[in-house]
Protein backbone atom coordinates (compact mmCIF):
# COMPACT_ATOMS: atom_id res chain seq x y z
CA MET A 1 0.00 0.00 0.00
CA THR A 2 2.93 2.32 -0.39
CA LYS A 3 2.14 5.07 -2.86
CA PRO A 4 4.77 7.56 -4.03
CA ASN A 5 2.34 10.48 -3.71
CA ARG A 6 0.73 9.60 -0.41
CA LEU A 7 0.50 12.43 2.11
CA ILE A 8 1.06 11.74 5.79
CA LEU A 9 -0.74 14.19 8.05
CA TRP A 10 0.63 15.12 11.48
CA GLY A 11 -1.99 17.59 12.68
CA TRP A 12 -4.83 19.92 11.70
CA PHE A 13 -4.98 23.61 12.50
CA ASN A 14 -7.66 24.86 14.89
CA SER A 15 -9.98 27.40 13.21
CA ASN A 16 -9.01 30.18 15.65
CA LEU A 17 -5.34 29.69 14.81
CA VAL A 18 -6.17 29.69 11.08
CA LEU A 19 -8.18 32.92 11.30
CA ASN A 20 -5.99 34.80 13.78
CA ARG A 21 -2.48 33.72 12.82
CA LEU A 22 -2.10 31.45 9.78
CA ILE A 23 -4.12 33.42 7.19
CA PRO A 24 -2.92 36.87 8.38
CA ASP A 25 0.72 35.67 8.28
CA ILE A 26 0.28 34.21 4.77
CA GLU A 27 -1.32 37.40 3.48
CA GLN A 28 1.33 39.61 5.11
CA ASN A 29 4.13 37.49 3.60
CA CYS A 30 2.57 37.86 0.14
CA ILE A 31 2.44 41.64 0.57
CA GLN A 32 6.00 41.94 1.89
CA ASP A 33 7.73 39.43 -0.37
CA GLY A 34 5.54 39.42 -3.46
CA ILE A 35 3.43 36.51 -4.66
CA ARG A 36 5.73 33.68 -5.75
CA TYR A 37 3.02 31.40 -7.19
CA PRO A 38 0.16 33.50 -8.65
CA ILE A 39 -1.99 30.50 -9.60
CA ALA A 40 -1.72 29.02 -6.09
CA TYR A 41 -2.41 32.43 -4.55
CA LYS A 42 -5.57 32.89 -6.63
CA ILE A 43 -6.84 29.42 -5.67
CA PHE A 44 -6.00 30.06 -2.00
CA GLN A 45 -7.92 33.36 -2.02
CA LYS A 46 -10.94 31.65 -3.54
CA ASN A 47 -10.89 28.69 -1.14
CA LYS A 48 -9.21 29.83 2.10
CA LEU A 49 -12.44 29.60 4.12
CA ALA A 50 -14.52 27.19 2.02
CA PRO A 51 -16.51 24.43 3.77
CA ASN A 52 -15.30 20.83 4.16
CA GLN A 53 -11.61 21.64 4.24
CA LEU A 54 -8.85 21.94 6.81
CA TYR A 55 -5.31 23.24 7.01
CA PHE A 56 -2.82 20.51 7.89
CA HIS A 57 0.81 20.15 8.78
CA HIS A 58 2.16 17.11 7.02
CA SER A 59 5.19 14.87 7.31
CA TYR A 60 8.11 14.81 4.91
CA ALA A 61 6.75 14.30 1.40
CA GLU A 62 7.81 11.00 -0.13
CA SER A 63 7.72 12.59 -3.59
CA ASN A 64 6.95 15.92 -5.22
CA ILE A 65 3.19 16.44 -5.00
CA SER A 66 1.28 19.06 -7.00
CA MET A 67 -1.75 21.00 -5.82
CA GLY A 68 -4.87 19.45 -7.27
CA GLN A 69 -3.66 15.95 -6.30
CA GLU A 70 -6.68 13.82 -5.46
CA TYR A 71 -6.83 10.97 -2.98
CA GLN A 72 -9.37 8.16 -2.63
CA TYR A 73 -8.50 6.69 0.80
CA ILE A 74 -7.63 7.69 4.33
CA ALA A 75 -6.06 5.45 6.98
CA LEU A 76 -4.39 5.52 10.36
CA MET A 77 -0.67 4.83 10.44
CA GLU A 78 1.74 3.43 12.97
CA ASN A 79 5.49 3.81 12.40
CA TYR A 80 4.69 5.05 8.88
CA LYS A 81 2.81 1.86 8.04
CA ILE A 82 -0.88 1.90 7.15
CA LEU A 83 -3.12 0.03 9.59
CA PRO A 84 -5.25 -2.06 7.17
CA ASP A 85 -8.30 -2.23 9.46
CA SER A 86 -8.54 1.56 9.51
CA ILE A 87 -8.76 2.18 5.75
CA GLN A 88 -11.79 4.20 4.67
CA THR A 89 -12.90 5.62 1.34
CA CYS A 90 -12.29 9.35 1.44
CA HIS A 91 -12.35 11.54 -1.65
CA SER A 92 -10.08 14.50 -0.99
CA LYS A 93 -8.12 17.06 -2.96
CA ILE A 94 -5.12 19.27 -2.23
CA ILE A 95 -6.26 22.86 -2.73
CA CYS A 96 -2.70 24.19 -2.31
CA PHE A 97 0.46 23.85 -0.29
CA PHE A 98 2.31 26.56 1.64
CA THR A 99 6.01 27.28 1.63
CA PRO A 100 7.74 26.48 4.94
CA TYR A 101 9.62 29.79 5.36
CA LYS A 102 7.66 33.03 5.13
CA SER A 103 4.61 30.94 4.34
CA GLN A 104 2.60 31.66 1.22
CA PRO A 105 0.58 29.55 -1.23
CA SER A 106 2.58 27.14 -3.36
CA GLU A 107 1.71 24.90 -6.29
CA TYR A 108 3.54 21.88 -4.90
CA THR A 109 5.38 20.34 -2.00
CA MET A 110 8.87 19.05 -2.60
CA HIS A 111 10.18 15.60 -1.84
CA GLY A 112 11.69 15.55 1.63
CA HIS A 113 9.93 18.66 2.92
CA HIS A 114 7.27 18.89 5.59
CA GLU A 115 4.94 21.79 5.12
CA THR A 116 1.38 23.02 5.49
CA SER A 117 -1.42 22.13 3.11
CA LEU A 118 -5.06 23.05 2.56
CA ILE A 119 -7.15 19.96 1.82
CA GLN A 120 -10.80 19.69 0.82
CA PHE A 121 -12.95 16.64 1.56
CA LYS A 122 -15.73 16.03 -0.95
CA GLN A 123 -18.09 14.18 1.44
CA GLY A 124 -17.19 16.19 4.54
CA ILE A 125 -14.25 15.99 6.92
CA PRO A 126 -13.81 12.40 8.17
CA GLN A 127 -14.39 11.99 11.90
CA MET A 128 -11.13 10.01 12.04
CA ILE A 129 -9.22 13.28 11.65
CA TYR A 130 -10.86 14.86 14.71
CA ASP A 131 -10.70 11.66 16.76
CA GLU A 132 -7.12 10.62 16.02
CA LEU A 133 -5.04 13.54 14.77
CA LEU A 134 -3.40 16.32 16.76
CA GLU A 135 -5.33 19.60 16.82
CA ILE A 136 -2.77 22.38 16.40
CA ARG A 137 -3.79 25.26 18.67
CA GLN A 138 -0.53 27.20 18.81
CA LEU A 139 2.72 27.64 16.92
CA PRO A 140 5.23 26.23 17.09
CA PHE A 141 3.90 22.76 17.84
CA SER A 142 5.41 19.32 18.31
CA PRO A 143 3.85 16.43 16.40
CA ASN A 144 2.80 13.41 18.40
CA HIS A 145 3.05 9.76 17.34
CA LYS A 146 -0.34 9.63 15.59
CA GLN A 147 -0.44 9.94 11.83
CA ILE A 148 -3.08 9.72 9.13
CA CYS A 149 -2.35 8.96 5.51
CA LEU A 150 -4.14 10.10 2.38
CA TYR A 151 -3.48 7.92 -0.65
């Protein structure tokens, strides 16, 4: 079940943190440093507060992944291995990624980097995310041992 484009999620950002810190920081970085990825910026502006999506911090990417990547499944992981009994159908899509330094919308995440992503869930956010994954309430944060994989 190893997929080169799977995305391993470490935690989801609390809505207060998104509204009061994450989005203002992203927008300020775009003003100060210029918009590096205009297509990603436009998509971010259109979708930054849309329903059925969350901002995530994800583990090191196993490959380069482009925004727009779609996933069909979600599963719990232990030691970076998918727990077969936890696999659920979950149609999701990467809206955009965010650069790690002076965060702003990006069209991709690079192999070996851990960054932030905005992900939309077509049938609503799976309860597994709220039940099992770390809720990020402040920055910086330290990931715990729980992981969820989109593939």
